[in-house]
Amino acid sequence: MNRNSLVTGLIVVLAVLGYFFLEDNGAGNPSQEQVSNVVSSSDYVVPNQTIYDLDGRIAFQGDIDLAPSLARIERGETDPHENDGAIFSNREGLLPRHDRGYYREYVVRTSGINHAGPQRLILGEGGEIFYTPDHYKSFVRLDQ
């Protein structure tokens, strides 16, 4: 799938999500331990996250607003990190299984960390959006 198709798919997903989140209270039931569906609203804010740096120190605590990162991806802009927009292989096996190339990963910058940090958005060809605050140890699904 080329980048334009991915961006178009993301736009459609964002529009549909806005509709459903306005109808819902924003709370979902976690589908499994490592993948949860709890997001506060169509603003793509993931509440109460603790982000750690490479040394295990707390780099950030609070709500994560993913709207700026999603907007950057939608505009086709890339983060300087070499893996931004690269294929995500799902080696951890925590996301639904698909053929290689189905998922792409994007960096979500963390204030106070001067490198890519642990946060990522994972986008699927089917419009799925997953957020990981801890470099693939757990995921929050944003498109449900």
N, C-alpha and C. Protein backbone atom coordinates (compact mmCIF):
# COMPACT_ATOMS: atom_id res chain seq x y z
N MET A 1 0.86 -1.17 0.00
CA MET A 1 0.00 0.00 0.00
C MET A 1 0.90 1.23 0.00
N ASN A 2 0.63 2.18 -0.89
CA ASN A 2 1.47 3.36 -0.92
C ASN A 2 1.04 4.36 0.14
N ARG A 3 1.87 5.35 0.36
CA ARG A 3 1.65 6.32 1.44
C ARG A 3 0.36 7.12 1.21
N ASN A 4 0.04 7.49 -0.04
CA ASN A 4 -1.19 8.25 -0.30
C ASN A 4 -2.43 7.44 0.08
N SER A 5 -2.42 6.15 -0.22
CA SER A 5 -3.56 5.31 0.16
C SER A 5 -3.68 5.20 1.66
N LEU A 6 -2.53 5.11 2.34
CA LEU A 6 -2.53 5.03 3.80
C LEU A 6 -3.09 6.32 4.40
N VAL A 7 -2.67 7.46 3.85
CA VAL A 7 -3.16 8.75 4.35
C VAL A 7 -4.65 8.88 4.08
N THR A 8 -5.11 8.50 2.90
CA THR A 8 -6.54 8.56 2.59
C THR A 8 -7.32 7.65 3.53
N GLY A 9 -6.80 6.46 3.77
CA GLY A 9 -7.46 5.55 4.71
C GLY A 9 -7.53 6.13 6.11
N LEU A 10 -6.45 6.80 6.52
CA LEU A 10 -6.42 7.43 7.85
C LEU A 10 -7.46 8.54 7.95
N ILE A 11 -7.63 9.32 6.90
CA ILE A 11 -8.64 10.39 6.90
C ILE A 11 -10.03 9.79 7.07
N VAL A 12 -10.32 8.73 6.33
CA VAL A 12 -11.63 8.08 6.44
C VAL A 12 -11.83 7.54 7.85
N VAL A 13 -10.81 6.89 8.39
CA VAL A 13 -10.91 6.34 9.74
C VAL A 13 -11.16 7.45 10.75
N LEU A 14 -10.44 8.56 10.63
CA LEU A 14 -10.62 9.67 11.57
C LEU A 14 -12.05 10.23 11.50
N ALA A 15 -12.61 10.33 10.31
CA ALA A 15 -13.98 10.83 10.17
C ALA A 15 -14.97 9.88 10.82
N VAL A 16 -14.82 8.59 10.56
CA VAL A 16 -15.72 7.59 11.14
C VAL A 16 -15.57 7.58 12.66
N LEU A 17 -14.33 7.63 13.13
CA LEU A 17 -14.09 7.63 14.58
C LEU A 17 -14.73 8.84 15.25
N GLY A 18 -14.61 9.99 14.62
CA GLY A 18 -15.23 11.19 15.19
C GLY A 18 -16.72 10.99 15.37
N TYR A 19 -17.36 10.40 14.39
CA TYR A 19 -18.80 10.14 14.48
C TYR A 19 -19.11 9.20 15.65
N PHE A 20 -18.39 8.07 15.72
CA PHE A 20 -18.68 7.09 16.76
C PHE A 20 -18.33 7.59 18.16
N PHE A 21 -17.23 8.32 18.29
CA PHE A 21 -16.86 8.80 19.62
C PHE A 21 -17.82 9.87 20.11
N LEU A 22 -18.41 10.63 19.20
CA LEU A 22 -19.40 11.62 19.62
C LEU A 22 -20.67 10.94 20.09
N GLU A 23 -20.94 9.72 19.60
CA GLU A 23 -22.11 8.96 20.02
C GLU A 23 -21.86 8.20 21.31
N ASP A 24 -20.58 7.93 21.63
CA ASP A 24 -20.20 7.09 22.76
C ASP A 24 -19.61 7.95 23.85
N ASN A 25 -19.46 7.40 25.03
CA ASN A 25 -18.83 8.13 26.11
C ASN A 25 -17.32 8.02 26.07
N GLY A 26 -16.76 7.32 25.09
CA GLY A 26 -15.33 7.22 24.93
C GLY A 26 -14.69 6.06 25.66
N ALA A 27 -15.43 5.32 26.45
CA ALA A 27 -14.84 4.21 27.19
C ALA A 27 -15.18 2.90 26.51
N GLY A 28 -14.17 2.07 26.30
CA GLY A 28 -14.38 0.75 25.72
C GLY A 28 -13.95 -0.31 26.71
N ASN A 29 -14.26 -1.54 26.40
CA ASN A 29 -13.82 -2.64 27.24
C ASN A 29 -12.52 -3.19 26.70
N PRO A 30 -11.50 -3.35 27.54
CA PRO A 30 -10.25 -3.92 27.05
C PRO A 30 -10.49 -5.31 26.45
N SER A 31 -9.89 -5.56 25.27
CA SER A 31 -10.10 -6.84 24.60
C SER A 31 -9.11 -7.89 25.08
N GLN A 32 -7.97 -7.49 25.56
CA GLN A 32 -6.99 -8.40 26.14
C GLN A 32 -6.06 -7.56 27.01
N GLU A 33 -5.21 -8.22 27.75
CA GLU A 33 -4.38 -7.51 28.72
C GLU A 33 -3.46 -6.48 28.07
N GLN A 34 -2.82 -6.81 26.95
CA GLN A 34 -1.85 -5.90 26.35
C GLN A 34 -2.45 -4.95 25.32
N VAL A 35 -3.68 -5.15 24.91
CA VAL A 35 -4.33 -4.26 23.95
C VAL A 35 -5.63 -3.78 24.57
N SER A 36 -5.69 -2.50 24.88
CA SER A 36 -6.92 -1.97 25.46
C SER A 36 -7.58 -1.01 24.49
N ASN A 37 -8.85 -0.74 24.71
CA ASN A 37 -9.63 0.13 23.84
C ASN A 37 -10.06 1.40 24.57
N VAL A 38 -9.37 1.79 25.62
CA VAL A 38 -9.80 2.92 26.44
C VAL A 38 -9.14 4.20 25.95
N VAL A 39 -9.93 5.06 25.34
CA VAL A 39 -9.48 6.36 24.87
C VAL A 39 -10.54 7.36 25.27
N SER A 40 -10.12 8.57 25.66
CA SER A 40 -11.07 9.48 26.27
C SER A 40 -12.05 10.13 25.30
N SER A 41 -11.67 10.39 24.06
CA SER A 41 -12.59 11.07 23.15
C SER A 41 -12.03 11.07 21.73
N SER A 42 -12.77 11.71 20.83
CA SER A 42 -12.32 11.82 19.45
C SER A 42 -11.10 12.73 19.33
N ASP A 43 -10.71 13.37 20.39
CA ASP A 43 -9.49 14.19 20.38
C ASP A 43 -8.23 13.34 20.43
N TYR A 44 -8.36 12.02 20.53
CA TYR A 44 -7.23 11.10 20.57
C TYR A 44 -6.31 11.38 21.75
N VAL A 45 -6.93 11.54 22.90
CA VAL A 45 -6.18 11.71 24.15
C VAL A 45 -6.22 10.39 24.90
N VAL A 46 -5.04 9.86 25.21
CA VAL A 46 -4.93 8.64 26.00
C VAL A 46 -4.59 9.09 27.42
N PRO A 47 -5.50 8.85 28.37
CA PRO A 47 -5.31 9.41 29.72
C PRO A 47 -4.31 8.63 30.57
N ASN A 48 -3.74 9.35 31.51
CA ASN A 48 -2.95 8.77 32.62
C ASN A 48 -1.83 7.84 32.18
N GLN A 49 -0.96 8.33 31.33
CA GLN A 49 0.18 7.52 30.88
C GLN A 49 1.45 7.92 31.62
N THR A 50 2.31 6.97 31.86
CA THR A 50 3.64 7.22 32.40
C THR A 50 4.64 6.76 31.35
N ILE A 51 5.48 7.68 30.89
CA ILE A 51 6.46 7.40 29.85
C ILE A 51 7.84 7.39 30.50
N TYR A 52 8.61 6.34 30.25
CA TYR A 52 9.94 6.19 30.83
C TYR A 52 11.01 6.40 29.77
N ASP A 53 12.16 6.96 30.20
CA ASP A 53 13.29 7.08 29.29
C ASP A 53 14.07 5.76 29.27
N LEU A 54 15.18 5.74 28.52
CA LEU A 54 15.96 4.50 28.38
C LEU A 54 16.56 4.02 29.69
N ASP A 55 16.74 4.92 30.64
CA ASP A 55 17.31 4.56 31.94
C ASP A 55 16.25 4.15 32.95
N GLY A 56 15.00 4.11 32.54
CA GLY A 56 13.92 3.70 33.43
C GLY A 56 13.38 4.81 34.30
N ARG A 57 13.82 6.04 34.05
CA ARG A 57 13.30 7.19 34.81
C ARG A 57 12.04 7.72 34.14
N ILE A 58 11.15 8.27 34.95
CA ILE A 58 9.92 8.85 34.40
C ILE A 58 10.28 10.10 33.60
N ALA A 59 9.90 10.10 32.33
CA ALA A 59 10.12 11.26 31.46
C ALA A 59 8.87 12.12 31.35
N PHE A 60 7.70 11.48 31.50
CA PHE A 60 6.44 12.21 31.37
C PHE A 60 5.35 11.43 32.09
N GLN A 61 4.46 12.16 32.76
CA GLN A 61 3.25 11.57 33.35
C GLN A 61 2.08 12.46 33.00
N GLY A 62 1.00 11.86 32.54
CA GLY A 62 -0.19 12.62 32.23
C GLY A 62 -0.89 12.08 31.00
N ASP A 63 -1.73 12.92 30.43
CA ASP A 63 -2.50 12.54 29.25
C ASP A 63 -1.66 12.75 27.99
N ILE A 64 -1.78 11.83 27.05
CA ILE A 64 -1.06 11.90 25.78
C ILE A 64 -2.05 12.29 24.69
N ASP A 65 -1.82 13.44 24.06
CA ASP A 65 -2.65 13.90 22.95
C ASP A 65 -1.99 13.46 21.65
N LEU A 66 -2.60 12.51 20.98
CA LEU A 66 -2.03 11.95 19.76
C LEU A 66 -2.46 12.70 18.50
N ALA A 67 -3.35 13.67 18.63
CA ALA A 67 -3.84 14.41 17.45
C ALA A 67 -2.70 15.05 16.65
N PRO A 68 -1.70 15.70 17.28
CA PRO A 68 -0.62 16.29 16.48
C PRO A 68 0.16 15.25 15.68
N SER A 69 0.41 14.10 16.27
CA SER A 69 1.14 13.05 15.54
C SER A 69 0.30 12.49 14.40
N LEU A 70 -0.99 12.28 14.63
CA LEU A 70 -1.88 11.80 13.56
C LEU A 70 -1.98 12.83 12.44
N ALA A 71 -2.03 14.11 12.80
CA ALA A 71 -2.09 15.16 11.78
C ALA A 71 -0.80 15.18 10.96
N ARG A 72 0.34 15.01 11.61
CA ARG A 72 1.63 14.97 10.90
C ARG A 72 1.64 13.82 9.90
N ILE A 73 1.19 12.66 10.34
CA ILE A 73 1.14 11.49 9.46
C ILE A 73 0.18 11.75 8.30
N GLU A 74 -0.96 12.31 8.60
CA GLU A 74 -1.96 12.61 7.57
C GLU A 74 -1.40 13.57 6.52
N ARG A 75 -0.57 14.53 6.95
CA ARG A 75 0.04 15.49 6.01
C ARG A 75 1.18 14.87 5.21
N GLY A 76 1.58 13.66 5.56
CA GLY A 76 2.67 13.00 4.85
C GLY A 76 4.04 13.42 5.35
N GLU A 77 4.11 14.10 6.49
CA GLU A 77 5.39 14.51 7.06
C GLU A 77 5.99 13.34 7.83
N THR A 78 7.31 13.25 7.82
CA THR A 78 7.98 12.18 8.54
C THR A 78 8.82 12.74 9.67
N ASP A 79 8.95 11.95 10.71
CA ASP A 79 9.85 12.24 11.82
C ASP A 79 11.26 11.87 11.34
N PRO A 80 12.29 12.54 11.84
CA PRO A 80 13.65 12.20 11.42
C PRO A 80 14.09 10.77 11.77
N HIS A 81 13.42 10.12 12.71
CA HIS A 81 13.82 8.77 13.10
C HIS A 81 13.71 7.83 11.91
N GLU A 82 14.70 6.99 11.73
CA GLU A 82 14.79 6.13 10.55
C GLU A 82 13.60 5.19 10.37
N ASN A 83 12.93 4.81 11.45
CA ASN A 83 11.82 3.86 11.34
C ASN A 83 10.46 4.51 11.18
N ASP A 84 10.39 5.83 11.18
CA ASP A 84 9.10 6.50 11.03
C ASP A 84 8.51 6.17 9.66
N GLY A 85 7.36 5.53 9.65
CA GLY A 85 6.71 5.12 8.41
C GLY A 85 7.16 3.75 7.92
N ALA A 86 8.04 3.09 8.66
CA ALA A 86 8.56 1.78 8.26
C ALA A 86 7.55 0.67 8.58
N ILE A 87 7.77 -0.47 7.99
CA ILE A 87 6.94 -1.64 8.26
C ILE A 87 7.10 -2.05 9.72
N PHE A 88 5.97 -2.29 10.38
CA PHE A 88 5.96 -2.82 11.74
C PHE A 88 5.66 -4.31 11.62
N SER A 89 6.56 -5.14 12.10
CA SER A 89 6.46 -6.59 11.90
C SER A 89 5.61 -7.32 12.92
N ASN A 90 5.21 -6.67 14.01
CA ASN A 90 4.39 -7.31 15.04
C ASN A 90 5.06 -8.56 15.60
N ARG A 91 6.39 -8.49 15.79
CA ARG A 91 7.14 -9.65 16.32
C ARG A 91 6.65 -10.06 17.71
N GLU A 92 6.14 -9.08 18.46
CA GLU A 92 5.63 -9.39 19.80
C GLU A 92 4.35 -10.19 19.75
N GLY A 93 3.65 -10.14 18.62
CA GLY A 93 2.42 -10.89 18.44
C GLY A 93 1.23 -10.36 19.23
N LEU A 94 1.28 -9.10 19.65
CA LEU A 94 0.20 -8.54 20.46
C LEU A 94 -0.94 -7.95 19.63
N LEU A 95 -0.66 -7.63 18.38
CA LEU A 95 -1.71 -7.09 17.50
C LEU A 95 -2.28 -8.24 16.67
N PRO A 96 -3.46 -8.04 16.09
CA PRO A 96 -4.01 -9.08 15.21
C PRO A 96 -3.01 -9.45 14.12
N ARG A 97 -2.91 -10.72 13.83
CA ARG A 97 -1.92 -11.21 12.86
C ARG A 97 -2.35 -10.89 11.43
N HIS A 98 -1.37 -10.38 10.67
CA HIS A 98 -1.55 -10.08 9.25
C HIS A 98 -0.22 -10.33 8.55
N ASP A 99 -0.27 -10.34 7.23
CA ASP A 99 0.95 -10.51 6.44
C ASP A 99 1.91 -9.35 6.70
N ARG A 100 3.20 -9.63 6.52
CA ARG A 100 4.23 -8.60 6.67
C ARG A 100 3.90 -7.43 5.74
N GLY A 101 4.03 -6.23 6.26
CA GLY A 101 3.75 -5.03 5.49
C GLY A 101 2.38 -4.44 5.76
N TYR A 102 1.53 -5.16 6.49
CA TYR A 102 0.18 -4.68 6.79
C TYR A 102 0.22 -3.47 7.73
N TYR A 103 1.16 -3.49 8.69
CA TYR A 103 1.26 -2.41 9.68
C TYR A 103 2.45 -1.51 9.39
N ARG A 104 2.28 -0.21 9.69
CA ARG A 104 3.37 0.78 9.63
C ARG A 104 3.49 1.42 11.00
N GLU A 105 4.72 1.77 11.38
CA GLU A 105 4.93 2.41 12.67
C GLU A 105 5.37 3.86 12.49
N TYR A 106 4.94 4.70 13.44
CA TYR A 106 5.27 6.12 13.42
C TYR A 106 5.67 6.56 14.82
N VAL A 107 6.67 7.42 14.89
CA VAL A 107 7.18 7.94 16.16
C VAL A 107 6.21 8.96 16.74
N VAL A 108 6.00 8.86 18.05
CA VAL A 108 5.29 9.89 18.81
C VAL A 108 6.34 10.46 19.77
N ARG A 109 6.74 11.69 19.56
CA ARG A 109 7.80 12.30 20.37
C ARG A 109 7.33 12.53 21.81
N THR A 110 8.28 12.38 22.74
CA THR A 110 8.03 12.60 24.15
C THR A 110 8.80 13.83 24.59
N SER A 111 8.10 14.81 25.14
CA SER A 111 8.74 16.00 25.66
C SER A 111 9.79 15.60 26.69
N GLY A 112 10.98 16.18 26.58
CA GLY A 112 12.04 15.88 27.54
C GLY A 112 12.95 14.74 27.12
N ILE A 113 12.62 14.04 26.05
CA ILE A 113 13.49 12.98 25.53
C ILE A 113 14.01 13.45 24.17
N ASN A 114 15.34 13.46 24.01
CA ASN A 114 15.94 14.03 22.80
C ASN A 114 16.18 13.00 21.69
N HIS A 115 15.49 11.88 21.76
CA HIS A 115 15.55 10.87 20.70
C HIS A 115 14.12 10.39 20.45
N ALA A 116 13.95 9.36 19.66
CA ALA A 116 12.60 8.93 19.29
C ALA A 116 11.76 8.52 20.49
N GLY A 117 12.38 8.02 21.54
CA GLY A 117 11.61 7.63 22.73
C GLY A 117 10.79 6.37 22.50
N PRO A 118 9.98 5.99 23.48
CA PRO A 118 9.27 4.71 23.42
C PRO A 118 7.89 4.75 22.76
N GLN A 119 7.35 5.94 22.53
CA GLN A 119 5.97 6.02 22.05
C GLN A 119 5.89 5.83 20.53
N ARG A 120 4.89 5.07 20.09
CA ARG A 120 4.67 4.85 18.66
C ARG A 120 3.18 4.76 18.36
N LEU A 121 2.83 5.10 17.15
CA LEU A 121 1.52 4.81 16.57
C LEU A 121 1.74 3.72 15.53
N ILE A 122 0.88 2.72 15.53
CA ILE A 122 0.93 1.64 14.55
C ILE A 122 -0.36 1.72 13.75
N LEU A 123 -0.24 1.87 12.43
CA LEU A 123 -1.41 1.97 11.56
C LEU A 123 -1.50 0.73 10.69
N GLY A 124 -2.70 0.17 10.60
CA GLY A 124 -2.94 -0.99 9.77
C GLY A 124 -3.58 -0.60 8.45
N GLU A 125 -3.40 -1.42 7.44
CA GLU A 125 -3.99 -1.16 6.13
C GLU A 125 -5.51 -1.09 6.18
N GLY A 126 -6.12 -1.75 7.15
CA GLY A 126 -7.57 -1.74 7.29
C GLY A 126 -8.09 -0.56 8.09
N GLY A 127 -7.23 0.40 8.42
CA GLY A 127 -7.65 1.58 9.16
C GLY A 127 -7.42 1.49 10.66
N GLU A 128 -6.85 0.39 11.14
CA GLU A 128 -6.60 0.24 12.57
C GLU A 128 -5.54 1.24 13.02
N ILE A 129 -5.73 1.75 14.23
CA ILE A 129 -4.76 2.66 14.84
C ILE A 129 -4.48 2.16 16.25
N PHE A 130 -3.22 1.84 16.51
CA PHE A 130 -2.78 1.40 17.84
C PHE A 130 -1.73 2.37 18.36
N TYR A 131 -1.76 2.62 19.66
CA TYR A 131 -0.76 3.45 20.33
C TYR A 131 -0.03 2.59 21.35
N THR A 132 1.30 2.70 21.38
CA THR A 132 2.09 2.03 22.41
C THR A 132 2.91 3.08 23.15
N PRO A 133 2.74 3.16 24.47
CA PRO A 133 3.50 4.12 25.27
C PRO A 133 4.86 3.56 25.69
N ASP A 134 5.08 2.26 25.50
CA ASP A 134 6.22 1.58 26.10
C ASP A 134 6.98 0.69 25.11
N HIS A 135 7.13 1.18 23.90
CA HIS A 135 7.90 0.51 22.85
C HIS A 135 7.47 -0.94 22.67
N TYR A 136 6.19 -1.12 22.36
CA TYR A 136 5.60 -2.39 21.94
C TYR A 136 5.32 -3.39 23.05
N LYS A 137 5.39 -2.98 24.31
CA LYS A 137 5.05 -3.90 25.41
C LYS A 137 3.54 -3.97 25.62
N SER A 138 2.84 -2.88 25.30
CA SER A 138 1.38 -2.84 25.42
C SER A 138 0.85 -1.88 24.37
N PHE A 139 -0.43 -2.02 24.05
CA PHE A 139 -1.05 -1.19 23.02
C PHE A 139 -2.43 -0.72 23.48
N VAL A 140 -2.81 0.47 22.99
CA VAL A 140 -4.16 0.99 23.14
C VAL A 140 -4.72 1.11 21.73
N ARG A 141 -5.87 0.52 21.48
CA ARG A 141 -6.49 0.62 20.16
C ARG A 141 -7.35 1.87 20.12
N LEU A 142 -7.11 2.72 19.12
CA LEU A 142 -7.78 4.01 19.03
C LEU A 142 -8.96 4.03 18.08
N ASP A 143 -9.09 3.05 17.21
CA ASP A 143 -10.10 3.13 16.16
C ASP A 143 -11.36 2.36 16.50
N GLN A 144 -11.59 2.01 17.76
CA GLN A 144 -12.82 1.31 18.14
C GLN A 144 -13.60 2.13 19.13
